[in-house]
N, C-alpha and C. Protein backbone atom coordinates (compact mmCIF):
# COMPACT_ATOMS: atom_id res chain seq x y z
N MET A 1 -18.06 -38.77 17.32
CA MET A 1 -17.77 -38.91 18.74
C MET A 1 -16.28 -39.18 18.90
N GLY A 2 -15.68 -38.69 19.97
CA GLY A 2 -14.26 -38.88 20.23
C GLY A 2 -13.97 -40.26 20.79
N ILE A 3 -12.72 -40.49 21.07
CA ILE A 3 -12.28 -41.77 21.64
C ILE A 3 -12.72 -41.83 23.10
N ARG A 4 -13.28 -42.96 23.47
CA ARG A 4 -13.70 -43.16 24.86
C ARG A 4 -12.52 -43.73 25.64
N ARG A 5 -12.20 -43.11 26.74
CA ARG A 5 -11.09 -43.55 27.59
C ARG A 5 -11.64 -44.34 28.77
N THR A 6 -10.88 -45.35 29.19
CA THR A 6 -11.31 -46.16 30.33
C THR A 6 -11.12 -45.39 31.63
N GLU A 7 -11.80 -45.84 32.64
CA GLU A 7 -11.65 -45.23 33.97
C GLU A 7 -10.21 -45.36 34.44
N GLU A 8 -9.57 -46.47 34.13
CA GLU A 8 -8.17 -46.69 34.51
C GLU A 8 -7.27 -45.64 33.84
N PHE A 9 -7.50 -45.37 32.55
CA PHE A 9 -6.72 -44.36 31.85
C PHE A 9 -6.91 -43.00 32.51
N ARG A 10 -8.14 -42.66 32.82
CA ARG A 10 -8.43 -41.37 33.45
C ARG A 10 -7.74 -41.24 34.79
N ASN A 11 -7.81 -42.28 35.61
CA ASN A 11 -7.15 -42.25 36.92
C ASN A 11 -5.65 -42.10 36.79
N GLU A 12 -5.07 -42.81 35.83
CA GLU A 12 -3.62 -42.73 35.61
C GLU A 12 -3.22 -41.33 35.12
N ALA A 13 -4.04 -40.74 34.25
CA ALA A 13 -3.75 -39.39 33.76
C ALA A 13 -3.74 -38.39 34.91
N VAL A 14 -4.69 -38.50 35.80
CA VAL A 14 -4.74 -37.60 36.96
C VAL A 14 -3.53 -37.83 37.86
N ARG A 15 -3.19 -39.08 38.10
CA ARG A 15 -2.01 -39.38 38.93
C ARG A 15 -0.75 -38.78 38.33
N ILE A 16 -0.57 -38.95 37.04
CA ILE A 16 0.61 -38.40 36.37
C ILE A 16 0.62 -36.88 36.48
N ALA A 17 -0.52 -36.26 36.23
CA ALA A 17 -0.61 -34.80 36.27
C ALA A 17 -0.28 -34.25 37.66
N LEU A 18 -0.68 -34.97 38.69
CA LEU A 18 -0.47 -34.49 40.05
C LEU A 18 0.91 -34.80 40.62
N THR A 19 1.55 -35.85 40.13
CA THR A 19 2.79 -36.29 40.77
C THR A 19 4.05 -36.19 39.92
N SER A 20 3.92 -35.94 38.63
CA SER A 20 5.08 -36.00 37.74
C SER A 20 5.97 -34.77 37.79
N GLY A 21 5.40 -33.63 38.19
CA GLY A 21 6.16 -32.40 38.15
C GLY A 21 6.16 -31.75 36.77
N LEU A 22 5.51 -32.38 35.81
CA LEU A 22 5.38 -31.82 34.47
C LEU A 22 4.21 -30.85 34.42
N SER A 23 4.24 -29.96 33.44
CA SER A 23 3.11 -29.06 33.27
C SER A 23 1.92 -29.85 32.74
N GLN A 24 0.73 -29.30 32.94
CA GLN A 24 -0.47 -29.96 32.42
C GLN A 24 -0.40 -30.05 30.90
N ASN A 25 0.16 -29.03 30.26
CA ASN A 25 0.31 -29.07 28.80
C ASN A 25 1.17 -30.26 28.38
N GLN A 26 2.27 -30.50 29.08
CA GLN A 26 3.17 -31.59 28.73
C GLN A 26 2.52 -32.94 28.98
N VAL A 27 1.82 -33.09 30.09
CA VAL A 27 1.14 -34.34 30.40
C VAL A 27 0.10 -34.65 29.34
N ALA A 28 -0.71 -33.66 29.00
CA ALA A 28 -1.75 -33.85 27.98
C ALA A 28 -1.12 -34.25 26.64
N ASP A 29 -0.05 -33.57 26.27
CA ASP A 29 0.64 -33.88 25.01
C ASP A 29 1.21 -35.29 25.04
N ASP A 30 1.85 -35.66 26.14
CA ASP A 30 2.44 -37.00 26.26
C ASP A 30 1.38 -38.09 26.17
N LEU A 31 0.19 -37.82 26.71
CA LEU A 31 -0.88 -38.81 26.70
C LEU A 31 -1.72 -38.79 25.43
N GLY A 32 -1.48 -37.78 24.59
CA GLY A 32 -2.23 -37.67 23.35
C GLY A 32 -3.66 -37.22 23.54
N ILE A 33 -3.88 -36.39 24.57
CA ILE A 33 -5.21 -35.86 24.82
C ILE A 33 -5.12 -34.34 24.88
N GLY A 34 -6.25 -33.68 24.75
CA GLY A 34 -6.27 -32.23 24.81
C GLY A 34 -6.15 -31.74 26.24
N LEU A 35 -5.68 -30.54 26.38
CA LEU A 35 -5.54 -29.95 27.71
C LEU A 35 -6.88 -29.84 28.41
N SER A 36 -7.92 -29.48 27.68
CA SER A 36 -9.25 -29.37 28.30
C SER A 36 -9.76 -30.73 28.76
N THR A 37 -9.39 -31.77 28.03
CA THR A 37 -9.78 -33.13 28.42
C THR A 37 -9.09 -33.52 29.72
N LEU A 38 -7.83 -33.19 29.85
CA LEU A 38 -7.11 -33.49 31.10
C LEU A 38 -7.74 -32.74 32.26
N GLY A 39 -8.16 -31.52 32.03
CA GLY A 39 -8.76 -30.71 33.08
C GLY A 39 -10.10 -31.24 33.58
N LYS A 40 -10.77 -32.01 32.74
CA LYS A 40 -12.08 -32.55 33.12
C LYS A 40 -11.89 -33.69 34.08
């Protein structure tokens, strides 16, 4: 099983993805998660 992320982490990841101006690939890489995980 993979690493379980907290709801807070998930919310922050979405906030960063929507407001940072970075590509989704860059956000996922910076957070150490897969692109498909960010998309979920």
